[in-house]
Amino acid sequence: MLFVYTANGRWGSVARSRDPGLHGRLPVFSTPRALARSYVDTYVDYTGGVSAFAVADMRGVTGCNWRFSTRSVWKAEQYLLDYPHHKLRTSRARVDRLRARYVQFREAHGMKPVDYDGREKWRPIPREFHAAARLPFAGPIARRRR
């Protein structure tokens, strides 16, 4: 889940994750679909992938205090699962190539990759990911080494 917002008619997000590529994005995207697409490559790992997106107003969640609860908030999860989503098509071959690269990178370096196209549109990543930011994966650093 991301917090999305608009600034000067452009879409951005605020997010935190254990994965470097799933943090926030600067408000530079023309549509929510373009913003969601910026997460497609970085969401690919051993099993994950993006197949749909939605912009939901969480004020519609009733009967639980999802923002401050220290317990599971199944009502919020169910609200998001039931909310209408827009399909986001991605080439199966592309996902397979990224997944193979991801597995190879993790085995070789013991960390998650950061070198993705579009990284200049990311919000700053936490310091713990800075070492991986210098290693080639699937973005500009990898292309310079080819």
Protein backbone atom coordinates (compact mmCIF):
# COMPACT_ATOMS: atom_id res chain seq x y z
CA MET A 1 0.00 0.00 0.00
CA LEU A 2 1.23 3.48 -0.87
CA PHE A 3 0.07 6.94 0.04
CA VAL A 4 -0.43 8.70 -3.29
CA TYR A 5 -0.78 12.42 -3.79
CA THR A 6 -0.76 15.07 -6.51
CA ALA A 7 1.41 18.16 -6.72
CA ASN A 8 1.06 20.57 -9.63
CA GLY A 9 -1.11 18.02 -11.43
CA ARG A 10 1.48 15.23 -11.18
CA TRP A 11 1.23 12.01 -9.14
CA GLY A 12 3.74 10.87 -6.51
CA SER A 13 3.82 8.49 -3.56
CA VAL A 14 5.09 8.12 -0.03
CA ALA A 15 6.04 4.59 0.98
CA ARG A 16 8.46 2.58 3.11
CA SER A 17 9.48 -1.01 2.52
CA ARG A 18 12.12 -3.65 3.18
CA ASP A 19 12.76 -3.51 -0.58
CA PRO A 20 14.74 -0.56 -1.97
CA GLY A 21 12.63 -0.12 -5.12
CA LEU A 22 9.30 0.01 -3.30
CA HIS A 23 9.86 3.34 -1.54
CA GLY A 24 8.16 6.56 -2.57
CA ARG A 25 8.20 8.31 -5.92
CA LEU A 26 8.55 11.98 -6.74
CA PRO A 27 5.42 13.72 -8.11
CA VAL A 28 6.40 13.47 -11.78
CA PHE A 29 3.87 10.95 -13.13
CA SER A 30 0.99 12.11 -15.33
CA THR A 31 -1.50 9.45 -14.16
CA PRO A 32 -1.96 6.92 -11.35
CA ARG A 33 -1.33 4.19 -13.99
CA ALA A 34 2.07 5.71 -14.83
CA LEU A 35 2.90 5.85 -11.12
CA ALA A 36 1.85 2.22 -10.64
CA ARG A 37 3.90 1.18 -13.69
CA SER A 38 7.01 2.68 -12.05
CA TYR A 39 6.76 -0.08 -9.44
CA VAL A 40 6.42 -3.02 -11.86
CA ASP A 41 10.10 -3.89 -12.34
CA THR A 42 11.09 -3.22 -8.73
CA TYR A 43 8.28 -5.42 -7.40
CA VAL A 44 9.62 -8.51 -9.16
CA ASP A 45 11.45 -10.75 -6.70
CA TYR A 46 11.39 -14.51 -6.04
CA THR A 47 7.58 -14.66 -6.36
CA GLY A 48 6.06 -11.16 -6.55
CA GLY A 49 4.69 -9.13 -9.42
CA VAL A 50 2.24 -6.28 -10.06
CA SER A 51 -0.90 -7.19 -12.00
CA ALA A 52 -3.32 -4.40 -11.03
CA PHE A 53 -3.61 -1.10 -9.17
CA ALA A 54 -6.25 1.11 -7.58
CA VAL A 55 -6.44 4.51 -5.94
CA ALA A 56 -8.62 3.98 -2.89
CA ASP A 57 -9.72 6.47 -0.26
CA MET A 58 -9.03 4.70 3.02
CA ARG A 59 -11.55 6.92 4.81
CA GLY A 60 -14.02 4.37 3.45
CA VAL A 61 -12.70 1.79 5.94
CA THR A 62 -15.07 1.74 8.90
CA GLY A 63 -15.15 -0.24 12.11
CA CYS A 64 -11.38 -0.28 12.76
CA ASN A 65 -8.63 2.20 13.48
CA TRP A 66 -6.31 0.92 10.75
CA ARG A 67 -3.73 3.73 11.10
CA PHE A 68 -2.98 3.32 14.79
CA SER A 69 -3.91 -0.24 15.65
CA THR A 70 -1.19 -2.49 17.08
CA ARG A 71 -3.23 -5.53 16.04
CA SER A 72 -4.11 -6.98 12.64
CA VAL A 73 -6.55 -4.81 10.73
CA TRP A 74 -8.29 -7.34 8.52
CA LYS A 75 -11.09 -4.89 7.69
CA ALA A 76 -8.61 -2.57 5.98
CA GLU A 77 -7.04 -5.46 4.08
CA GLN A 78 -10.45 -6.74 2.97
CA TYR A 79 -11.49 -3.23 1.92
CA LEU A 80 -8.45 -3.02 -0.37
CA LEU A 81 -8.94 -6.55 -1.74
CA ASP A 82 -12.59 -5.82 -2.56
CA TYR A 83 -11.90 -2.38 -4.04
CA PRO A 84 -12.13 -2.30 -7.88
CA HIS A 85 -8.68 -2.54 -9.48
CA HIS A 86 -7.38 -1.66 -12.95
CA LYS A 87 -5.37 -4.35 -14.72
CA LEU A 88 -1.73 -3.55 -15.40
CA ARG A 89 -0.41 -5.79 -18.14
CA THR A 90 3.24 -6.74 -18.15
CA SER A 91 5.06 -9.06 -20.51
CA ARG A 92 5.52 -12.51 -18.96
CA ALA A 93 8.90 -12.77 -20.69
CA ARG A 94 10.00 -9.47 -19.14
CA VAL A 95 9.00 -10.63 -15.66
CA ASP A 96 10.77 -13.96 -16.19
CA ARG A 97 13.98 -12.15 -17.27
CA LEU A 98 13.83 -9.78 -14.29
CA ARG A 99 13.15 -12.65 -11.88
CA ALA A 100 16.12 -14.65 -13.20
CA ARG A 101 18.34 -11.57 -12.90
CA TYR A 102 17.01 -10.90 -9.39
CA VAL A 103 17.80 -14.45 -8.21
CA GLN A 104 21.29 -14.28 -9.77
CA PHE A 105 21.96 -10.88 -8.16
CA ARG A 106 20.82 -12.02 -4.71
CA GLU A 107 22.99 -15.15 -4.91
CA ALA A 108 26.03 -13.17 -6.06
CA HIS A 109 25.75 -10.19 -3.68
CA GLY A 110 23.50 -11.19 -0.78
CA MET A 111 21.50 -7.97 -1.09
CA LYS A 112 18.57 -6.59 -3.05
CA PRO A 113 19.25 -4.70 -6.30
CA VAL A 114 18.80 -0.96 -6.69
CA ASP A 115 19.95 -0.33 -10.28
CA TYR A 116 16.62 0.11 -12.09
CA ASP A 117 15.50 2.39 -14.89
CA GLY A 118 13.60 5.40 -13.58
CA ARG A 119 15.49 5.53 -10.28
CA GLU A 120 15.88 9.30 -10.69
CA LYS A 121 12.12 9.47 -9.98
CA TRP A 122 12.44 7.69 -6.62
CA ARG A 123 12.42 9.41 -3.29
CA PRO A 124 15.73 8.93 -1.41
CA ILE A 125 16.28 5.35 -0.24
CA PRO A 126 17.49 4.46 3.27
CA ARG A 127 21.23 4.23 3.87
CA GLU A 128 21.07 0.44 4.26
CA PHE A 129 20.60 0.16 0.47
CA HIS A 130 23.42 2.49 -0.59
CA ALA A 131 26.01 -0.31 -1.12
CA ALA A 132 23.71 -2.05 -3.61
CA ALA A 133 23.18 1.23 -5.46
CA ARG A 134 26.67 0.93 -7.00
CA LEU A 135 26.17 -2.61 -8.36
CA PRO A 136 24.86 -3.30 -11.88
CA PHE A 137 21.46 -4.95 -12.20
CA ALA A 138 18.93 -3.91 -14.87
CA GLY A 139 19.32 -0.15 -15.18
CA PRO A 140 21.83 2.50 -16.22
CA ILE A 141 24.80 1.01 -14.35
CA ALA A 142 24.28 -2.37 -16.04
CA ARG A 143 23.97 -0.72 -19.47
CA ARG A 144 27.22 1.23 -19.01
CA ARG A 145 29.04 -2.05 -18.33
CA ARG A 146 27.78 -3.80 -21.48
